[in-house]
Amino acid sequence: MPVGLVLLSLVAGVGVGLRDASEEQSAGADLKAVKSYEAESDHVTEPVDYEQMPPAGGPHNPIWLNCGTYGTAVPNENAVHSMEHGATWVTYDPDLPDEDVDVLKKAMPDSYGVLSPYEGLENPVTASAWGKQLVLDDVNDPRLKGFISKYTQSPDAPEPGASCSGGSDGSLPLDTAAQSQ
């Protein structure tokens, strides 16, 4: 093999190694703490007992939650449908100070993001995407932006790019929302 091809192969191999390492990091944040889950993608009209709270995918209501920022809790089953469409869902302890909620609002993507309070979190913030979840102790943790950057519109979501508007605003009971389609 000519020396030039050997050098090119070595450089390409190093480049692949760097690329693989960078896939574990996104936006400069170490995402090794992200947990992965298997998730079904079935539509259901009844409440779901999810394994993770907040859920990171699974059976969900036929109507997705409109992406955006919510000041009150939203139905899990509608938010999970939004994640099926490629949205990231950032949940926070309802007792979080307003200035911390403002930090979270600024971290959210322009589209395909849901931000809402969530009762009973063990940590102040949890970031979820289809089959992925990261718990955080601090709203300023750089891994939040890295998670959002990596998993918003991820090809791992069953329907990335499907609508994130025109669904539920989170105010309809599950059975009413399911019947309205």
Protein backbone atom coordinates (compact mmCIF):
# COMPACT_ATOMS: atom_id res chain seq x y z
CA MET A 1 0.00 0.00 0.00
CA PRO A 2 1.48 3.41 -0.92
CA VAL A 3 2.58 5.61 1.99
CA GLY A 4 -0.03 8.27 1.09
CA LEU A 5 -2.87 5.77 1.42
CA VAL A 6 -1.52 4.51 4.73
CA LEU A 7 -1.37 8.06 6.10
CA LEU A 8 -4.84 8.83 4.75
CA SER A 9 -6.18 5.66 6.38
CA LEU A 10 -4.58 6.59 9.69
CA VAL A 11 -5.96 10.13 9.55
CA ALA A 12 -9.41 8.84 8.59
CA GLY A 13 -9.28 6.34 11.44
CA VAL A 14 -8.38 9.06 13.92
CA GLY A 15 -11.18 11.21 12.51
CA VAL A 16 -13.68 8.39 13.01
CA GLY A 17 -12.45 7.92 16.58
CA LEU A 18 -12.91 11.62 17.27
CA ARG A 19 -16.36 11.55 15.71
CA ASP A 20 -17.38 8.58 17.85
CA ALA A 21 -16.17 10.35 20.98
CA SER A 22 -18.02 13.51 20.01
CA GLU A 23 -21.26 11.56 19.67
CA GLU A 24 -21.10 11.03 23.44
CA GLN A 25 -20.89 14.78 23.86
CA SER A 26 -23.11 17.44 22.39
CA ALA A 27 -22.71 21.20 22.59
CA GLY A 28 -19.66 20.60 24.79
CA ALA A 29 -21.67 18.70 27.39
CA ASP A 30 -20.90 15.20 28.59
CA LEU A 31 -24.07 13.17 28.05
CA LYS A 32 -22.88 9.84 29.45
CA ALA A 33 -25.49 10.13 32.24
CA VAL A 34 -28.37 9.99 29.73
CA LYS A 35 -30.44 6.88 30.39
CA SER A 36 -31.94 4.94 27.50
CA TYR A 37 -35.29 3.16 27.56
CA GLU A 38 -37.25 0.95 25.19
CA ALA A 39 -40.56 2.58 24.29
CA GLU A 40 -43.67 1.34 22.51
CA SER A 41 -45.45 3.71 20.18
CA ASP A 42 -49.09 2.71 20.63
CA HIS A 43 -52.05 5.10 20.75
CA VAL A 44 -54.31 4.65 23.78
CA THR A 45 -57.27 6.60 25.14
CA GLU A 46 -56.85 5.75 28.81
CA PRO A 47 -54.25 6.95 31.34
CA VAL A 48 -50.93 5.10 31.16
CA ASP A 49 -48.89 3.85 34.12
CA TYR A 50 -45.39 4.70 32.88
CA GLU A 51 -42.21 3.07 34.18
CA GLN A 52 -40.39 6.43 34.37
CA MET A 53 -41.88 9.58 35.78
CA PRO A 54 -41.85 11.75 33.82
CA PRO A 55 -42.13 9.26 30.99
CA ALA A 56 -39.50 8.93 28.29
CA GLY A 57 -41.78 7.44 25.64
CA GLY A 58 -44.34 4.68 25.46
CA PRO A 59 -48.05 4.34 24.79
CA HIS A 60 -49.69 7.73 24.42
CA ASN A 61 -52.84 9.63 23.58
CA PRO A 62 -53.70 9.97 19.87
CA ILE A 63 -53.49 13.76 20.25
CA TRP A 64 -50.09 15.34 20.80
CA LEU A 65 -49.40 18.26 23.09
CA ASN A 66 -48.69 21.54 21.35
CA CYS A 67 -45.04 22.34 21.85
CA GLY A 68 -44.33 25.37 24.00
CA THR A 69 -44.01 26.54 27.57
CA TYR A 70 -46.65 25.65 30.15
CA GLY A 71 -47.12 27.12 33.62
CA THR A 72 -49.06 24.11 34.86
CA ALA A 73 -48.59 20.36 34.60
CA VAL A 74 -49.55 18.76 31.28
CA PRO A 75 -50.96 15.28 30.62
CA ASN A 76 -48.17 12.73 30.30
CA GLU A 77 -49.96 10.93 27.50
CA ASN A 78 -50.11 14.04 25.29
CA ALA A 79 -46.53 15.09 26.05
CA VAL A 80 -45.28 11.60 25.17
CA HIS A 81 -47.00 11.92 21.79
CA SER A 82 -45.06 15.16 21.21
CA MET A 83 -41.83 13.30 21.99
CA GLU A 84 -42.85 10.71 19.39
CA HIS A 85 -42.80 13.65 16.94
CA GLY A 86 -39.24 14.54 17.99
CA ALA A 87 -39.89 17.04 20.78
CA THR A 88 -37.81 17.26 23.92
CA TRP A 89 -39.78 17.65 27.15
CA VAL A 90 -38.11 19.48 30.00
CA THR A 91 -39.90 19.15 33.32
CA TYR A 92 -39.08 21.00 36.51
CA ASP A 93 -40.03 21.01 40.16
CA PRO A 94 -43.03 23.37 40.56
CA ASP A 95 -41.26 25.00 43.54
CA LEU A 96 -38.34 26.11 41.36
CA PRO A 97 -37.78 29.88 41.68
CA ASP A 98 -39.04 32.02 38.78
CA GLU A 99 -35.50 33.03 37.82
CA ASP A 100 -34.58 29.35 37.42
CA VAL A 101 -37.66 28.74 35.26
CA ASP A 102 -36.53 31.69 33.12
CA VAL A 103 -33.15 29.97 32.62
CA LEU A 104 -34.99 26.85 31.44
CA LYS A 105 -37.16 28.89 29.05
CA LYS A 106 -34.03 30.33 27.45
CA ALA A 107 -32.54 26.85 27.03
CA MET A 108 -35.55 25.51 25.12
CA PRO A 109 -35.42 25.05 21.35
CA ASP A 110 -37.37 27.42 19.09
CA SER A 111 -39.61 24.54 18.09
CA TYR A 112 -40.17 20.94 19.14
CA GLY A 113 -39.77 21.63 22.83
CA VAL A 114 -42.15 21.35 25.77
CA LEU A 115 -41.41 22.94 29.15
CA SER A 116 -43.69 22.28 32.10
CA PRO A 117 -43.72 21.85 35.87
CA TYR A 118 -43.97 18.27 37.12
CA GLU A 119 -44.99 17.20 40.62
CA GLY A 120 -42.87 14.64 42.43
CA LEU A 121 -39.54 15.01 40.63
CA GLU A 122 -36.60 13.69 42.63
CA ASN A 123 -34.31 16.30 41.04
CA PRO A 124 -35.09 19.91 40.12
CA VAL A 125 -35.04 19.23 36.35
CA THR A 126 -35.55 16.24 34.07
CA ALA A 127 -34.98 16.37 30.32
CA SER A 128 -36.76 13.71 28.27
CA ALA A 129 -36.88 12.72 24.62
CA TRP A 130 -38.14 9.54 22.98
CA GLY A 131 -36.36 6.72 24.81
CA LYS A 132 -33.88 9.08 26.53
CA GLN A 133 -33.79 10.88 29.87
CA LEU A 134 -31.38 13.01 31.87
CA VAL A 135 -31.93 14.17 35.46
CA LEU A 136 -30.26 17.40 36.54
CA ASP A 137 -29.61 19.07 39.88
CA ASP A 138 -29.08 22.56 38.45
CA VAL A 139 -30.84 24.58 35.75
CA ASN A 140 -27.44 25.89 34.63
CA ASP A 141 -26.02 22.42 34.00
CA PRO A 142 -24.53 22.57 30.45
CA ARG A 143 -25.78 19.05 29.80
CA LEU A 144 -29.32 20.43 29.44
CA LYS A 145 -28.44 22.37 26.29
CA GLY A 146 -26.41 19.41 25.07
CA PHE A 147 -29.37 17.07 25.60
CA ILE A 148 -31.74 19.44 23.81
CA SER A 149 -29.29 19.88 20.94
CA LYS A 150 -28.73 16.16 20.50
CA TYR A 151 -32.24 14.78 21.00
CA THR A 152 -34.62 17.40 19.57
CA GLN A 153 -35.79 15.95 16.25
CA SER A 154 -33.65 12.87 16.85
CA PRO A 155 -33.99 10.11 14.26
CA ASP A 156 -34.57 7.82 17.28
CA ALA A 157 -38.05 9.33 17.65
CA PRO A 158 -40.63 7.28 15.74
CA GLU A 159 -42.04 10.30 13.83
CA PRO A 160 -39.47 13.13 13.84
CA GLY A 161 -40.81 16.19 12.08
CA ALA A 162 -44.48 15.36 12.54
CA SER A 163 -46.53 18.31 13.77
CA CYS A 164 -45.86 19.89 17.13
CA SER A 165 -48.83 22.26 16.87
CA GLY A 166 -52.53 21.83 16.18
CA GLY A 167 -52.88 19.27 18.97
CA SER A 168 -53.90 19.69 22.60
CA ASP A 169 -53.10 22.71 24.72
CA GLY A 170 -52.96 20.37 27.71
CA SER A 171 -56.32 21.43 29.12
CA LEU A 172 -58.55 18.63 27.83
CA PRO A 173 -59.11 15.49 29.88
CA LEU A 174 -57.64 12.44 28.15
CA ASP A 175 -60.95 10.88 27.17
CA THR A 176 -62.25 14.17 25.71
CA ALA A 177 -59.02 14.80 23.81
CA ALA A 178 -59.09 11.32 22.31
CA GLN A 179 -62.72 11.69 21.22
CA SER A 180 -62.15 15.05 19.54
CA GLN A 181 -60.22 13.50 16.65
